[in-house]
Protein backbone atom coordinates (compact mmCIF):
# COMPACT_ATOMS: atom_id res chain seq x y z
CA UNK A 1 -18.41 11.27 -10.96
CA UNK A 2 -19.80 11.00 -7.45
CA UNK A 3 -21.34 7.57 -8.08
CA UNK A 4 -18.00 6.33 -9.37
CA UNK A 5 -16.29 7.48 -6.17
CA UNK A 6 -18.94 5.80 -4.05
CA UNK A 7 -18.49 2.57 -5.99
CA UNK A 8 -14.73 2.39 -5.37
CA UNK A 9 -15.05 3.31 -1.69
CA UNK A 10 -14.65 0.01 0.19
CA UNK A 11 -16.47 1.35 3.23
CA UNK A 12 -19.66 1.64 1.19
CA UNK A 13 -19.98 -2.14 0.94
CA UNK A 14 -17.83 -3.33 3.88
CA UNK A 15 -18.09 -2.49 7.53
CA UNK A 16 -15.11 -0.82 9.18
CA UNK A 17 -14.33 -4.01 11.12
CA UNK A 18 -14.22 -6.13 7.95
CA UNK A 19 -12.12 -3.52 6.17
CA UNK A 20 -9.57 -3.26 8.97
CA UNK A 21 -9.51 -7.06 9.35
CA UNK A 22 -8.58 -7.45 5.70
CA UNK A 23 -5.69 -4.99 6.08
CA UNK A 24 -4.60 -6.72 9.29
CA UNK A 25 -4.58 -10.05 7.44
CA UNK A 26 -2.52 -8.61 4.59
CA UNK A 27 0.10 -7.02 6.81
CA UNK A 28 0.32 -9.90 9.28
CA UNK A 29 0.68 -12.67 6.70
CA UNK A 30 1.49 -11.62 3.17
CA UNK A 31 3.38 -8.35 3.51
CA UNK A 32 5.83 -9.35 6.22
CA UNK A 33 8.92 -11.38 5.57
CA UNK A 34 10.43 -12.10 2.19
CA UNK A 35 7.43 -11.22 0.03
CA UNK A 36 6.96 -7.81 1.63
CA UNK A 37 10.63 -6.98 1.34
CA UNK A 38 10.69 -8.12 -2.28
CA UNK A 39 7.69 -5.98 -3.16
CA UNK A 40 9.08 -2.93 -1.34
CA UNK A 41 12.45 -3.34 -3.05
CA UNK A 42 10.78 -3.79 -6.44
CA UNK A 43 8.69 -0.66 -5.97
CA UNK A 44 11.75 1.29 -4.90
CA UNK A 45 13.67 0.16 -8.00
CA UNK A 46 10.67 1.06 -10.20
CA UNK A 47 10.47 4.45 -8.53
CA UNK A 48 14.12 5.08 -9.30
CA UNK A 49 13.70 3.84 -12.88
CA UNK A 50 10.70 6.02 -13.68
CA UNK A 51 12.11 9.05 -11.89
CA UNK A 52 15.64 9.05 -13.27
CA UNK A 53 15.52 7.19 -16.56
CA UNK A 54 11.99 7.90 -17.82
CA UNK A 55 11.54 11.36 -16.22
CA UNK A 56 7.97 10.52 -15.22
CA UNK A 57 7.87 11.89 -11.70
CA UNK A 58 4.19 11.19 -11.04
CA UNK A 59 4.62 7.46 -11.61
CA UNK A 60 7.91 7.49 -9.71
CA UNK A 61 6.23 9.17 -6.75
CA UNK A 62 3.41 6.61 -6.84
CA UNK A 63 5.87 3.71 -6.74
CA UNK A 64 7.76 5.40 -3.92
CA UNK A 65 4.56 5.76 -1.88
CA UNK A 66 3.80 2.06 -2.49
CA UNK A 67 7.30 1.16 -1.31
CA UNK A 68 6.74 3.19 1.85
CA UNK A 69 3.39 1.49 2.39
CA UNK A 70 4.92 -1.96 2.15
CA UNK A 71 7.84 -0.98 4.35
CA UNK A 72 6.05 0.92 7.10
CA UNK A 73 2.47 -0.37 6.84
CA UNK A 74 2.68 -3.08 9.50
CA UNK A 75 4.62 -0.99 12.05
CA UNK A 76 2.17 1.87 11.54
CA UNK A 77 -0.79 -0.41 12.17
CA UNK A 78 0.94 -1.83 15.26
CA UNK A 79 1.56 1.67 16.53
CA UNK A 80 -2.11 2.54 16.03
CA UNK A 81 -3.15 -0.71 17.82
CA UNK A 82 -4.95 -2.06 14.78
CA UNK A 83 -2.73 -5.10 14.22
């Protein structure tokens, strides 16, 4: 189990600078504007669908967290001076 966790940890094969640069690139180019809003809206709709219609609250919560990430990811990185 521990080797599996080490394998999926991106900081085990990337430096912190490369890892933060990749997130900066994502939030500064792809996740702002129309595409970011579309993804956040889609995740919010999926969260509502799985929570209310399918009664699967774990999946609904996961989609809601993804919607929050797409909505507040770039402002959070700007606030932390990483973007």
